[in-house]
């Protein structure tokens, strides 16, 4: 994510459990997101702490996805896996 590790000196951190609660994910998803570089964190193994600014950046980057999913769900009155399929079909049509 951010190559400048010093940028996080003043950034607050929260536990992965708290990050999972705030973001609506399972805690194992938070650990995966850290491993894949989607969230920035400090600490070792299961004692990692997530930077609050990293969560905010993630929300900003993914805000458009939630909006698209909401539009598809409301417009076509669908949910679950069918929603994702319909969203993919819609994206293909728009290309």
Protein backbone atom coordinates (compact mmCIF):
# COMPACT_ATOMS: atom_id res chain seq x y z
CA UNK A 1 0.00 0.00 0.00
CA UNK A 2 1.97 2.97 1.27
CA UNK A 3 5.74 2.78 0.79
CA UNK A 4 6.34 5.52 3.35
CA UNK A 5 6.14 3.69 6.69
CA UNK A 6 6.81 6.95 8.56
CA UNK A 7 3.44 8.29 7.43
CA UNK A 8 1.81 6.02 10.01
CA UNK A 9 3.68 7.29 13.07
CA UNK A 10 0.77 9.49 14.17
CA UNK A 11 -1.98 7.22 12.81
CA UNK A 12 -4.15 5.42 15.37
CA UNK A 13 -4.46 1.67 15.23
CA UNK A 14 -7.23 -0.71 16.20
CA UNK A 15 -7.34 -4.46 16.72
CA UNK A 16 -8.24 -6.73 13.83
CA UNK A 17 -11.34 -7.78 15.77
CA UNK A 18 -12.49 -4.16 16.08
CA UNK A 19 -11.68 -3.53 12.39
CA UNK A 20 -13.81 -6.55 11.47
CA UNK A 21 -16.72 -5.18 13.52
CA UNK A 22 -16.42 -1.72 11.95
CA UNK A 23 -16.19 -3.03 8.42
CA UNK A 24 -18.77 -5.82 8.73
CA UNK A 25 -16.28 -8.60 7.91
CA UNK A 26 -15.09 -11.70 9.73
CA UNK A 27 -11.78 -11.24 11.53
CA UNK A 28 -10.12 -13.83 9.25
CA UNK A 29 -11.11 -11.65 6.28
CA UNK A 30 -9.27 -8.73 7.90
CA UNK A 31 -6.11 -10.85 8.23
CA UNK A 32 -6.44 -11.90 4.57
CA UNK A 33 -6.91 -8.28 3.51
CA UNK A 34 -3.74 -7.35 5.40
CA UNK A 35 -1.82 -10.20 3.74
CA UNK A 36 -3.07 -9.16 0.29
CA UNK A 37 -2.17 -5.50 0.92
CA UNK A 38 -5.73 -4.18 0.94
CA UNK A 39 -5.30 -2.91 4.50
CA UNK A 40 -2.17 -1.56 6.18
CA UNK A 41 -1.28 -2.87 9.61
CA UNK A 42 1.57 -3.11 12.07
CA UNK A 43 2.58 -5.86 14.47
CA UNK A 44 3.44 -9.52 14.18
CA UNK A 45 1.28 -12.52 13.26
CA UNK A 46 -1.96 -12.54 15.29
CA UNK A 47 -1.06 -9.35 17.16
CA UNK A 48 -1.50 -7.13 14.14
CA UNK A 49 -3.23 -3.78 14.48
CA UNK A 50 -4.93 -2.03 11.57
CA UNK A 51 -4.32 1.65 10.83
CA UNK A 52 -7.58 3.60 10.99
CA UNK A 53 -6.59 5.61 7.94
CA UNK A 54 -6.18 2.36 6.01
CA UNK A 55 -9.80 1.45 6.75
CA UNK A 56 -10.96 4.85 5.55
CA UNK A 57 -8.95 4.51 2.31
CA UNK A 58 -10.43 1.05 1.76
CA UNK A 59 -13.96 2.42 2.21
CA UNK A 60 -13.30 5.24 -0.25
CA UNK A 61 -11.80 2.87 -2.85
CA UNK A 62 -14.73 0.47 -2.57
CA UNK A 63 -17.61 2.94 -2.18
CA UNK A 64 -18.51 2.77 -5.88
CA UNK A 65 -18.86 -1.02 -5.69
CA UNK A 66 -21.45 -0.78 -2.91
CA UNK A 67 -23.37 1.83 -4.89
CA UNK A 68 -23.42 -0.40 -7.98
CA UNK A 69 -24.60 -3.38 -5.94
CA UNK A 70 -27.37 -1.30 -4.35
CA UNK A 71 -28.57 -0.05 -7.74
CA UNK A 72 -28.68 -3.56 -9.16
CA UNK A 73 -30.44 -4.95 -6.07
CA UNK A 74 -33.07 -2.22 -6.02
CA UNK A 75 -33.59 -1.99 -9.77
CA UNK A 76 -33.95 -5.70 -10.42
CA UNK A 77 -35.25 -6.80 -6.98
CA UNK A 78 -32.61 -9.51 -6.60
CA UNK A 79 -30.18 -10.57 -3.90
CA UNK A 80 -27.39 -12.99 -3.08
CA UNK A 81 -25.34 -14.70 -5.75
CA UNK A 82 -27.82 -13.70 -8.45
CA UNK A 83 -27.04 -10.06 -7.62
CA UNK A 84 -23.33 -10.55 -8.30
CA UNK A 85 -24.09 -12.39 -11.54
CA UNK A 86 -26.45 -9.62 -12.67
CA UNK A 87 -23.87 -6.96 -11.80
CA UNK A 88 -21.24 -8.76 -13.89
CA UNK A 89 -23.67 -9.10 -16.79
CA UNK A 90 -24.50 -5.40 -16.55
CA UNK A 91 -20.79 -4.46 -16.58
CA UNK A 92 -20.27 -6.61 -19.69
CA UNK A 93 -23.17 -4.90 -21.45
CA UNK A 94 -21.80 -1.46 -20.63
CA UNK A 95 -18.37 -2.19 -22.09
